[in-house]
């Protein structure tokens, strides 16, 4: 429904589709809503910073 409204408003649907990502969240094995929220936030941060969201335990250099 939201995509239909965007299309009707004249949005470039190719640009919209290129920005969509689903399902969202990292596979952390969470079961609660709070854990799901953390996995979503973690993926958003990784995407925003261009990082792979890999474990720090395999990192040799500085982490911050």
PDB file of N, CA and C in Angstrom:
ATOM      1  N   UNK A   1       0.818  -1.188   0.000  1.00  0.00           N
ATOM      2  CA  UNK A   1       0.000   0.000   0.000  1.00  0.00           C
ATOM      3  C   UNK A   1       0.864   1.256   0.000  1.00  0.00           C
ATOM      4  N   UNK A   2       1.920   1.237   0.794  1.00  0.00           N
ATOM      5  CA  UNK A   2       2.805   2.402   0.859  1.00  0.00           C
ATOM      6  C   UNK A   2       3.519   2.610  -0.480  1.00  0.00           C
ATOM      7  N   UNK A   3       3.954   1.501  -1.107  1.00  0.00           N
ATOM      8  CA  UNK A   3       4.612   1.617  -2.405  1.00  0.00           C
ATOM      9  C   UNK A   3       3.661   2.166  -3.458  1.00  0.00           C
ATOM     10  N   UNK A   4       2.412   1.749  -3.394  1.00  0.00           N
ATOM     11  CA  UNK A   4       1.409   2.250  -4.330  1.00  0.00           C
ATOM     12  C   UNK A   4       1.232   3.760  -4.167  1.00  0.00           C
ATOM     13  N   UNK A   5       1.186   4.220  -2.932  1.00  0.00           N
ATOM     14  CA  UNK A   5       1.052   5.662  -2.689  1.00  0.00           C
ATOM     15  C   UNK A   5       2.268   6.423  -3.211  1.00  0.00           C
ATOM     16  N   UNK A   6       3.456   5.845  -3.036  1.00  0.00           N
ATOM     17  CA  UNK A   6       4.663   6.493  -3.557  1.00  0.00           C
ATOM     18  C   UNK A   6       4.623   6.586  -5.075  1.00  0.00           C
ATOM     19  N   UNK A   7       4.205   5.495  -5.722  1.00  0.00           N
ATOM     20  CA  UNK A   7       4.116   5.484  -7.185  1.00  0.00           C
ATOM     21  C   UNK A   7       3.101   6.508  -7.671  1.00  0.00           C
ATOM     22  N   UNK A   8       1.966   6.568  -7.009  1.00  0.00           N
ATOM     23  CA  UNK A   8       0.934   7.537  -7.389  1.00  0.00           C
ATOM     24  C   UNK A   8       1.407   8.971  -7.192  1.00  0.00           C
ATOM     25  N   UNK A   9       2.304   9.174  -6.239  1.00  0.00           N
ATOM     26  CA  UNK A   9       2.842  10.509  -5.980  1.00  0.00           C
ATOM     27  C   UNK A   9       3.967  10.869  -6.945  1.00  0.00           C
ATOM     28  N   UNK A  10       4.328   9.921  -7.823  1.00  0.00           N
ATOM     29  CA  UNK A  10       5.352  10.197  -8.825  1.00  0.00           C
ATOM     30  C   UNK A  10       6.757   9.833  -8.417  1.00  0.00           C
ATOM     31  N   UNK A  11       6.914   9.036  -7.381  1.00  0.00           N
ATOM     32  CA  UNK A  11       8.248   8.636  -6.936  1.00  0.00           C
ATOM     33  C   UNK A  11       8.910   7.745  -7.979  1.00  0.00           C
ATOM     34  N   UNK A  12      10.226   7.842  -8.090  1.00  0.00           N
ATOM     35  CA  UNK A  12      11.004   6.967  -8.966  1.00  0.00           C
ATOM     36  C   UNK A  12      11.084   5.598  -8.292  1.00  0.00           C
ATOM     37  N   UNK A  13      10.300   4.651  -8.775  1.00  0.00           N
ATOM     38  CA  UNK A  13      10.193   3.357  -8.104  1.00  0.00           C
ATOM     39  C   UNK A  13      11.487   2.559  -8.175  1.00  0.00           C
ATOM     40  N   UNK A  14      12.322   2.774  -9.190  1.00  0.00           N
ATOM     41  CA  UNK A  14      13.625   2.104  -9.230  1.00  0.00           C
ATOM     42  C   UNK A  14      14.511   2.605  -8.096  1.00  0.00           C
ATOM     43  N   UNK A  15      14.470   3.902  -7.842  1.00  0.00           N
ATOM     44  CA  UNK A  15      15.251   4.465  -6.742  1.00  0.00           C
ATOM     45  C   UNK A  15      14.726   3.970  -5.403  1.00  0.00           C
ATOM     46  N   UNK A  16      13.409   3.892  -5.280  1.00  0.00           N
ATOM     47  CA  UNK A  16      12.809   3.397  -4.034  1.00  0.00           C
ATOM     48  C   UNK A  16      13.214   1.945  -3.807  1.00  0.00           C
ATOM     49  N   UNK A  17      13.083   1.116  -4.835  1.00  0.00           N
ATOM     50  CA  UNK A  17      13.396  -0.313  -4.702  1.00  0.00           C
ATOM     51  C   UNK A  17      14.862  -0.540  -4.363  1.00  0.00           C
ATOM     52  N   UNK A  18      15.752   0.289  -4.878  1.00  0.00           N
ATOM     53  CA  UNK A  18      17.178   0.107  -4.603  1.00  0.00           C
ATOM     54  C   UNK A  18      17.523   0.413  -3.153  1.00  0.00           C
ATOM     55  N   UNK A  19      16.644   1.139  -2.448  1.00  0.00           N
ATOM     56  CA  UNK A  19      16.905   1.490  -1.052  1.00  0.00           C
ATOM     57  C   UNK A  19      16.219   0.564  -0.059  1.00  0.00           C
ATOM     58  N   UNK A  20      15.321  -0.294  -0.553  1.00  0.00           N
ATOM     59  CA  UNK A  20      14.606  -1.210   0.339  1.00  0.00           C
ATOM     60  C   UNK A  20      15.463  -2.426   0.645  1.00  0.00           C
ATOM     61  N   UNK A  21      15.324  -2.929   1.847  1.00  0.00           N
ATOM     62  CA  UNK A  21      16.086  -4.104   2.272  1.00  0.00           C
ATOM     63  C   UNK A  21      15.186  -4.940   3.175  1.00  0.00           C
ATOM     64  N   UNK A  22      14.921  -6.176   2.764  1.00  0.00           N
ATOM     65  CA  UNK A  22      14.036  -7.019   3.576  1.00  0.00           C
ATOM     66  C   UNK A  22      14.402  -8.480   3.395  1.00  0.00           C
ATOM     67  N   UNK A  23      14.286  -9.309   4.383  1.00  0.00           N
ATOM     68  CA  UNK A  23      13.945  -8.935   5.758  1.00  0.00           C
ATOM     69  C   UNK A  23      15.124  -8.225   6.411  1.00  0.00           C
ATOM     70  N   UNK A  24      14.830  -7.423   7.388  1.00  0.00           N
ATOM     71  CA  UNK A  24      15.869  -6.641   8.050  1.00  0.00           C
ATOM     72  C   UNK A  24      16.294  -7.329   9.345  1.00  0.00           C
ATOM     73  N   UNK A  25      17.526  -7.080   9.733  1.00  0.00           N
ATOM     74  CA  UNK A  25      18.053  -7.633  10.981  1.00  0.00           C
ATOM     75  C   UNK A  25      19.162  -8.635  10.727  1.00  0.00           C
ATOM     76  N   UNK A  26      20.091  -8.716  11.666  1.00  0.00           N
ATOM     77  CA  UNK A  26      21.161  -9.702  11.596  1.00  0.00           C
ATOM     78  C   UNK A  26      20.686 -10.992  12.239  1.00  0.00           C
ATOM     79  N   UNK A  27      21.222 -12.105  11.778  1.00  0.00           N
ATOM     80  CA  UNK A  27      20.843 -13.410  12.328  1.00  0.00           C
ATOM     81  C   UNK A  27      21.595 -13.637  13.635  1.00  0.00           C
ATOM     82  N   UNK A  28      21.044 -13.114  14.722  1.00  0.00           N
ATOM     83  CA  UNK A  28      21.663 -13.235  16.041  1.00  0.00           C
ATOM     84  C   UNK A  28      21.034 -14.341  16.870  1.00  0.00           C
ATOM     85  N   UNK A  29      19.982 -14.943  16.340  1.00  0.00           N
ATOM     86  CA  UNK A  29      19.302 -16.002  17.074  1.00  0.00           C
ATOM     87  C   UNK A  29      18.377 -15.490  18.159  1.00  0.00           C
ATOM     88  N   UNK A  30      18.053 -14.219  18.110  1.00  0.00           N
ATOM     89  CA  UNK A  30      17.183 -13.637  19.131  1.00  0.00           C
ATOM     90  C   UNK A  30      15.765 -14.167  19.045  1.00  0.00           C
ATOM     91  N   UNK A  31      15.088 -14.169  20.185  1.00  0.00           N
ATOM     92  CA  UNK A  31      13.716 -14.660  20.252  1.00  0.00           C
ATOM     93  C   UNK A  31      12.727 -13.628  20.783  1.00  0.00           C
ATOM     94  N   UNK A  32      13.221 -12.629  21.467  1.00  0.00           N
ATOM     95  CA  UNK A  32      12.325 -11.641  22.070  1.00  0.00           C
ATOM     96  C   UNK A  32      12.242 -10.392  21.180  1.00  0.00           C
ATOM     97  N   UNK A  33      11.214  -9.574  21.379  1.00  0.00           N
ATOM     98  CA  UNK A  33      11.136  -8.321  20.618  1.00  0.00           C
ATOM     99  C   UNK A  33      12.362  -7.426  20.834  1.00  0.00           C
ATOM    100  N   UNK A  34      12.881  -7.425  22.044  1.00  0.00           N
ATOM    101  CA  UNK A  34      14.057  -6.610  22.337  1.00  0.00           C
ATOM    102  C   UNK A  34      15.272  -7.093  21.548  1.00  0.00           C
ATOM    103  N   UNK A  35      15.443  -8.399  21.468  1.00  0.00           N
ATOM    104  CA  UNK A  35      16.568  -8.957  20.713  1.00  0.00           C
ATOM    105  C   UNK A  35      16.403  -8.701  19.217  1.00  0.00           C
ATOM    106  N   UNK A  36      15.177  -8.759  18.736  1.00  0.00           N
ATOM    107  CA  UNK A  36      14.912  -8.439  17.329  1.00  0.00           C
ATOM    108  C   UNK A  36      15.255  -6.986  17.055  1.00  0.00           C
ATOM    109  N   UNK A  37      14.881  -6.104  17.963  1.00  0.00           N
ATOM    110  CA  UNK A  37      15.194  -4.681  17.805  1.00  0.00           C
ATOM    111  C   UNK A  37      16.698  -4.451  17.760  1.00  0.00           C
ATOM    112  N   UNK A  38      17.438  -5.143  18.605  1.00  0.00           N
ATOM    113  CA  UNK A  38      18.896  -5.006  18.609  1.00  0.00           C
ATOM    114  C   UNK A  38      19.476  -5.472  17.283  1.00  0.00           C
ATOM    115  N   UNK A  39      18.971  -6.587  16.748  1.00  0.00           N
ATOM    116  CA  UNK A  39      19.498  -7.094  15.478  1.00  0.00           C
ATOM    117  C   UNK A  39      19.209  -6.119  14.341  1.00  0.00           C
ATOM    118  N   UNK A  40      18.051  -5.469  14.374  1.00  0.00           N
ATOM    119  CA  UNK A  40      17.705  -4.477  13.352  1.00  0.00           C
ATOM    120  C   UNK A  40      18.603  -3.253  13.486  1.00  0.00           C
ATOM    121  N   UNK A  41      18.773  -2.765  14.709  1.00  0.00           N
ATOM    122  CA  UNK A  41      19.648  -1.608  14.936  1.00  0.00           C
ATOM    123  C   UNK A  41      21.077  -1.906  14.507  1.00  0.00           C
ATOM    124  N   UNK A  42      21.561  -3.101  14.806  1.00  0.00           N
ATOM    125  CA  UNK A  42      22.918  -3.487  14.429  1.00  0.00           C
ATOM    126  C   UNK A  42      23.087  -3.482  12.915  1.00  0.00           C
ATOM    127  N   UNK A  43      22.088  -3.986  12.189  1.00  0.00           N
ATOM    128  CA  UNK A  43      22.196  -3.990  10.730  1.00  0.00           C
ATOM    129  C   UNK A  43      22.141  -2.576  10.169  1.00  0.00           C
ATOM    130  N   UNK A  44      21.312  -1.728  10.742  1.00  0.00           N
ATOM    131  CA  UNK A  44      21.234  -0.338  10.284  1.00  0.00           C
ATOM    132  C   UNK A  44      22.576   0.359  10.486  1.00  0.00           C
ATOM    133  N   UNK A  45      23.198   0.159  11.640  1.00  0.00           N
ATOM    134  CA  UNK A  45      24.499   0.774  11.916  1.00  0.00           C
ATOM    135  C   UNK A  45      25.546   0.251  10.946  1.00  0.00           C
ATOM    136  N   UNK A  46      25.551  -1.057  10.697  1.00  0.00           N
ATOM    137  CA  UNK A  46      26.514  -1.641   9.760  1.00  0.00           C
ATOM    138  C   UNK A  46      26.333  -1.060   8.363  1.00  0.00           C
ATOM    139  N   UNK A  47      25.092  -0.918   7.917  1.00  0.00           N
ATOM    140  CA  UNK A  47      24.830  -0.360   6.586  1.00  0.00           C
ATOM    141  C   UNK A  47      25.238   1.109   6.517  1.00  0.00           C
ATOM    142  N   UNK A  48      24.937   1.852   7.564  1.00  0.00           N
ATOM    143  CA  UNK A  48      25.259   3.287   7.592  1.00  0.00           C
ATOM    144  C   UNK A  48      26.760   3.529   7.566  1.00  0.00           C
ATOM    145  N   UNK A  49      27.517   2.670   8.249  1.00  0.00           N
ATOM    146  CA  UNK A  49      28.965   2.856   8.338  1.00  0.00           C
ATOM    147  C   UNK A  49      29.737   2.069   7.288  1.00  0.00           C
ATOM    148  N   UNK A  50      29.031   1.259   6.497  1.00  0.00           N
ATOM    149  CA  UNK A  50      29.695   0.483   5.451  1.00  0.00           C
ATOM    150  C   UNK A  50      30.535  -0.661   5.988  1.00  0.00           C
ATOM    151  N   UNK A  51      30.179  -1.175   7.132  1.00  0.00           N
ATOM    152  CA  UNK A  51      30.929  -2.269   7.757  1.00  0.00           C
ATOM    153  C   UNK A  51      30.192  -3.580   7.551  1.00  0.00           C
ATOM    154  N   UNK A  52      30.903  -4.719   7.606  1.00  0.00           N
ATOM    155  CA  UNK A  52      30.275  -6.014   7.314  1.00  0.00           C
ATOM    156  C   UNK A  52      29.504  -6.650   8.466  1.00  0.00           C
ATOM    157  N   UNK A  53      29.491  -6.073   9.630  1.00  0.00           N
ATOM    158  CA  UNK A  53      28.810  -6.635  10.802  1.00  0.00           C
ATOM    159  C   UNK A  53      29.394  -7.980  11.206  1.00  0.00           C
ATOM    160  N   UNK A  54      30.697  -8.118  11.063  1.00  0.00           N
ATOM    161  CA  UNK A  54      31.388  -9.349  11.450  1.00  0.00           C
ATOM    162  C   UNK A  54      31.801  -9.274  12.922  1.00  0.00           C
ATOM    163  N   UNK A  55      32.085 -10.422  13.499  1.00  0.00           N
ATOM    164  CA  UNK A  55      32.508 -10.490  14.895  1.00  0.00           C
ATOM    165  C   UNK A  55      33.871  -9.830  15.081  1.00  0.00           C
ATOM    166  N   UNK A  56      34.033  -9.118  16.179  1.00  0.00           N
ATOM    167  CA  UNK A  56      35.309  -8.472  16.480  1.00  0.00           C
ATOM    168  C   UNK A  56      36.364  -9.459  16.953  1.00  0.00           C
ATOM    169  N   UNK A  57      35.960 -10.674  17.298  1.00  0.00           N
ATOM    170  CA  UNK A  57      36.927 -11.648  17.816  1.00  0.00           C
ATOM    171  C   UNK A  57      37.966 -12.042  16.772  1.00  0.00           C
ATOM    172  N   UNK A  58      37.679 -11.857  15.498  1.00  0.00           N
ATOM    173  CA  UNK A  58      38.640 -12.193  14.453  1.00  0.00           C
ATOM    174  C   UNK A  58      39.432 -10.998  13.958  1.00  0.00           C
ATOM    175  N   UNK A  59      39.326  -9.869  14.642  1.00  0.00           N
ATOM    176  CA  UNK A  59      39.995  -8.643  14.224  1.00  0.00           C
ATOM    177  C   UNK A  59      41.373  -8.552  14.852  1.00  0.00           C
ATOM    178  N   UNK A  60      42.379  -8.238  14.024  1.00  0.00           N
ATOM    179  CA  UNK A  60      43.745  -8.112  14.530  1.00  0.00           C
ATOM    180  C   UNK A  60      44.075  -6.688  14.964  1.00  0.00           C
ATOM    181  N   UNK A  61      43.534  -5.719  14.271  1.00  0.00           N
ATOM    182  CA  UNK A  61      43.868  -4.328  14.542  1.00  0.00           C
ATOM    183  C   UNK A  61      42.971  -3.709  15.585  1.00  0.00           C
ATOM    184  N   UNK A  62      43.090  -2.392  15.736  1.00  0.00           N
ATOM    185  CA  UNK A  62      42.241  -1.682  16.693  1.00  0.00           C
ATOM    186  C   UNK A  62      40.777  -1.744  16.270  1.00  0.00           C
ATOM    187  N   UNK A  63      39.889  -1.725  17.246  1.00  0.00           N
ATOM    188  CA  UNK A  63      38.468  -1.848  16.936  1.00  0.00           C
ATOM    189  C   UNK A  63      37.741  -0.512  17.003  1.00  0.00           C
ATOM    190  N   UNK A  64      38.376   0.525  17.509  1.00  0.00           N
ATOM    191  CA  UNK A  64      37.717   1.836  17.585  1.00  0.00           C
ATOM    192  C   UNK A  64      38.642   2.907  17.106  1.00  0.00           C
TER     193      UNK A  64
END
